[in-house]
Amino acid sequence: MDSVLTVEEIRERFPSEWVLIGDPQTAETLAVQAGKVLCHSKDRDEVYRKAIELRPKRFAFLYTGPIPAEGTAIVL
């Protein structure tokens, strides 16, 4: 995809998927607001492998699904 999508558009198009975003546009807090979708998949490792293959200069990962319920640890 060559077009820039907002995070809301990305969430609508790729529900519950991992998304590799190239040239992300961020807020002052570095929260991703928009960018180009370079890869998306339900398999996180597939998206990570694509990032290694493409080696984008600026990128972000985004998971568009719900955050798991209590009792789950999230590592950043």
N, C-alpha and C. Protein backbone atom coordinates (compact mmCIF):
# COMPACT_ATOMS: atom_id res chain seq x y z
N MET A 1 0.85 -1.19 0.00
CA MET A 1 0.00 0.00 0.00
C MET A 1 0.88 1.23 0.00
N ASP A 2 0.57 2.14 -0.87
CA ASP A 2 1.35 3.37 -0.94
C ASP A 2 0.67 4.55 -0.26
N SER A 3 -0.62 4.42 0.03
CA SER A 3 -1.34 5.53 0.63
C SER A 3 -1.16 5.55 2.15
N VAL A 4 -1.22 6.74 2.69
CA VAL A 4 -1.11 6.92 4.14
C VAL A 4 -2.50 6.73 4.74
N LEU A 5 -2.59 5.88 5.74
CA LEU A 5 -3.84 5.62 6.43
C LEU A 5 -3.74 6.08 7.88
N THR A 6 -4.86 6.53 8.43
CA THR A 6 -4.88 6.88 9.84
C THR A 6 -4.95 5.58 10.65
N VAL A 7 -4.66 5.67 11.93
CA VAL A 7 -4.74 4.49 12.80
C VAL A 7 -6.17 3.95 12.80
N GLU A 8 -7.15 4.81 12.78
CA GLU A 8 -8.55 4.37 12.76
C GLU A 8 -8.84 3.57 11.49
N GLU A 9 -8.34 4.03 10.33
CA GLU A 9 -8.54 3.30 9.07
C GLU A 9 -7.83 1.95 9.11
N ILE A 10 -6.63 1.93 9.68
CA ILE A 10 -5.88 0.69 9.78
C ILE A 10 -6.63 -0.31 10.67
N ARG A 11 -7.16 0.16 11.79
CA ARG A 11 -7.92 -0.72 12.69
C ARG A 11 -9.16 -1.28 12.00
N GLU A 12 -9.83 -0.48 11.17
CA GLU A 12 -11.02 -0.93 10.45
C GLU A 12 -10.68 -1.97 9.38
N ARG A 13 -9.60 -1.75 8.65
CA ARG A 13 -9.23 -2.64 7.55
C ARG A 13 -8.58 -3.94 8.00
N PHE A 14 -7.88 -3.89 9.12
CA PHE A 14 -7.11 -5.06 9.58
C PHE A 14 -7.44 -5.38 11.05
N PRO A 15 -8.67 -5.79 11.33
CA PRO A 15 -9.05 -6.07 12.73
C PRO A 15 -8.29 -7.26 13.30
N SER A 16 -7.84 -7.10 14.54
CA SER A 16 -7.12 -8.14 15.29
C SER A 16 -5.91 -8.68 14.53
N GLU A 17 -5.15 -7.77 13.93
CA GLU A 17 -3.93 -8.15 13.21
C GLU A 17 -2.76 -7.31 13.69
N TRP A 18 -1.56 -7.85 13.43
CA TRP A 18 -0.32 -7.11 13.65
C TRP A 18 -0.03 -6.35 12.36
N VAL A 19 0.36 -5.08 12.49
CA VAL A 19 0.57 -4.23 11.32
C VAL A 19 1.94 -3.57 11.41
N LEU A 20 2.70 -3.64 10.32
CA LEU A 20 3.98 -2.94 10.21
C LEU A 20 3.70 -1.63 9.48
N ILE A 21 3.98 -0.52 10.12
CA ILE A 21 3.69 0.80 9.57
C ILE A 21 5.01 1.50 9.23
N GLY A 22 5.14 1.91 7.98
CA GLY A 22 6.33 2.63 7.54
C GLY A 22 6.12 4.13 7.62
N ASP A 23 7.18 4.86 7.89
CA ASP A 23 7.13 6.32 8.02
C ASP A 23 5.95 6.77 8.87
N PRO A 24 5.86 6.29 10.10
CA PRO A 24 4.71 6.64 10.94
C PRO A 24 4.67 8.13 11.28
N GLN A 25 3.48 8.68 11.26
CA GLN A 25 3.25 10.04 11.73
C GLN A 25 2.85 9.91 13.19
N THR A 26 3.54 10.64 14.06
CA THR A 26 3.30 10.48 15.50
C THR A 26 2.93 11.81 16.15
N ALA A 27 2.28 11.69 17.30
CA ALA A 27 1.97 12.84 18.14
C ALA A 27 3.21 13.17 18.97
N GLU A 28 3.15 14.22 19.75
CA GLU A 28 4.28 14.59 20.62
C GLU A 28 4.63 13.47 21.58
N THR A 29 3.66 12.67 21.95
CA THR A 29 3.87 11.56 22.88
C THR A 29 4.39 10.31 22.16
N LEU A 30 4.64 10.42 20.86
CA LEU A 30 5.11 9.34 19.98
C LEU A 30 4.04 8.28 19.70
N ALA A 31 2.79 8.57 20.04
CA ALA A 31 1.69 7.68 19.68
C ALA A 31 1.49 7.75 18.17
N VAL A 32 1.38 6.60 17.54
CA VAL A 32 1.22 6.56 16.08
C VAL A 32 -0.16 7.08 15.71
N GLN A 33 -0.20 8.00 14.74
CA GLN A 33 -1.46 8.57 14.27
C GLN A 33 -1.79 8.12 12.86
N ALA A 34 -0.77 7.88 12.03
CA ALA A 34 -0.99 7.49 10.64
C ALA A 34 0.31 6.95 10.06
N GLY A 35 0.22 6.33 8.88
CA GLY A 35 1.41 5.82 8.21
C GLY A 35 1.05 4.89 7.07
N LYS A 36 2.06 4.37 6.40
CA LYS A 36 1.87 3.44 5.28
C LYS A 36 1.94 2.01 5.80
N VAL A 37 0.96 1.20 5.45
CA VAL A 37 0.96 -0.21 5.86
C VAL A 37 1.93 -0.96 4.96
N LEU A 38 2.98 -1.52 5.56
CA LEU A 38 3.98 -2.28 4.81
C LEU A 38 3.67 -3.77 4.83
N CYS A 39 3.00 -4.23 5.89
CA CYS A 39 2.68 -5.64 6.04
C CYS A 39 1.65 -5.78 7.15
N HIS A 40 0.79 -6.80 7.04
CA HIS A 40 -0.17 -7.08 8.10
C HIS A 40 -0.45 -8.58 8.12
N SER A 41 -0.69 -9.09 9.32
CA SER A 41 -0.96 -10.51 9.47
C SER A 41 -1.48 -10.78 10.88
N LYS A 42 -2.19 -11.88 11.04
CA LYS A 42 -2.59 -12.32 12.37
C LYS A 42 -1.40 -12.94 13.11
N ASP A 43 -0.36 -13.29 12.37
CA ASP A 43 0.86 -13.89 12.93
C ASP A 43 1.91 -12.81 13.16
N ARG A 44 2.18 -12.51 14.42
CA ARG A 44 3.14 -11.46 14.77
C ARG A 44 4.52 -11.75 14.19
N ASP A 45 4.96 -13.00 14.26
CA ASP A 45 6.30 -13.34 13.77
C ASP A 45 6.45 -13.07 12.28
N GLU A 46 5.39 -13.27 11.51
CA GLU A 46 5.42 -13.00 10.08
C GLU A 46 5.68 -11.51 9.82
N VAL A 47 5.05 -10.67 10.60
CA VAL A 47 5.23 -9.22 10.45
C VAL A 47 6.65 -8.83 10.87
N TYR A 48 7.16 -9.43 11.94
CA TYR A 48 8.54 -9.16 12.37
C TYR A 48 9.54 -9.58 11.30
N ARG A 49 9.31 -10.74 10.69
CA ARG A 49 10.22 -11.20 9.61
C ARG A 49 10.21 -10.24 8.43
N LYS A 50 9.03 -9.71 8.12
CA LYS A 50 8.92 -8.76 7.01
C LYS A 50 9.68 -7.47 7.33
N ALA A 51 9.64 -7.05 8.57
CA ALA A 51 10.38 -5.85 8.98
C ALA A 51 11.87 -6.06 8.81
N ILE A 52 12.35 -7.26 9.15
CA ILE A 52 13.78 -7.57 8.98
C ILE A 52 14.14 -7.60 7.50
N GLU A 53 13.25 -8.14 6.69
CA GLU A 53 13.48 -8.20 5.24
C GLU A 53 13.50 -6.81 4.61
N LEU A 54 12.53 -5.97 4.96
CA LEU A 54 12.41 -4.64 4.34
C LEU A 54 13.39 -3.61 4.92
N ARG A 55 13.72 -3.78 6.19
CA ARG A 55 14.59 -2.84 6.90
C ARG A 55 14.19 -1.37 6.70
N PRO A 56 12.95 -1.03 7.02
CA PRO A 56 12.53 0.37 6.87
C PRO A 56 13.29 1.26 7.84
N LYS A 57 13.58 2.49 7.42
CA LYS A 57 14.34 3.41 8.29
C LYS A 57 13.50 3.83 9.49
N ARG A 58 12.25 4.15 9.27
CA ARG A 58 11.33 4.52 10.35
C ARG A 58 10.12 3.62 10.26
N PHE A 59 9.75 2.99 11.37
CA PHE A 59 8.61 2.10 11.35
C PHE A 59 8.03 1.95 12.75
N ALA A 60 6.84 1.38 12.78
CA ALA A 60 6.17 1.09 14.05
C ALA A 60 5.37 -0.19 13.87
N PHE A 61 5.16 -0.90 14.97
CA PHE A 61 4.29 -2.07 14.98
C PHE A 61 3.01 -1.67 15.70
N LEU A 62 1.90 -2.19 15.22
CA LEU A 62 0.61 -1.90 15.84
C LEU A 62 -0.21 -3.18 15.88
N TYR A 63 -0.80 -3.47 17.03
CA TYR A 63 -1.74 -4.58 17.12
C TYR A 63 -3.13 -3.97 17.20
N THR A 64 -4.02 -4.37 16.31
CA THR A 64 -5.32 -3.74 16.20
C THR A 64 -6.43 -4.44 16.98
N GLY A 65 -6.09 -5.50 17.69
CA GLY A 65 -7.10 -6.25 18.45
C GLY A 65 -7.25 -5.72 19.85
N PRO A 66 -8.15 -6.34 20.59
CA PRO A 66 -8.36 -5.93 21.98
C PRO A 66 -7.18 -6.36 22.85
N ILE A 67 -6.92 -5.59 23.88
CA ILE A 67 -5.88 -5.94 24.83
C ILE A 67 -6.43 -7.07 25.70
N PRO A 68 -5.64 -8.13 25.91
CA PRO A 68 -6.13 -9.28 26.68
C PRO A 68 -6.61 -8.91 28.07
N ALA A 69 -7.44 -9.76 28.63
CA ALA A 69 -8.05 -9.54 29.95
C ALA A 69 -6.99 -9.58 31.04
N GLU A 70 -7.43 -9.32 32.26
CA GLU A 70 -6.50 -9.30 33.39
C GLU A 70 -5.77 -10.63 33.53
N GLY A 71 -4.61 -10.55 34.14
CA GLY A 71 -3.80 -11.74 34.31
C GLY A 71 -2.81 -11.95 33.17
N THR A 72 -2.79 -11.02 32.22
CA THR A 72 -1.89 -11.13 31.08
C THR A 72 -0.82 -10.05 31.19
N ALA A 73 0.43 -10.44 31.01
CA ALA A 73 1.53 -9.48 31.03
C ALA A 73 1.81 -9.00 29.60
N ILE A 74 2.05 -7.70 29.45
CA ILE A 74 2.37 -7.14 28.14
C ILE A 74 3.78 -6.58 28.23
N VAL A 75 4.65 -7.03 27.34
CA VAL A 75 6.04 -6.59 27.33
C VAL A 75 6.25 -5.70 26.13
N LEU A 76 6.81 -4.53 26.34
CA LEU A 76 7.09 -3.59 25.25
C LEU A 76 8.55 -3.59 24.92
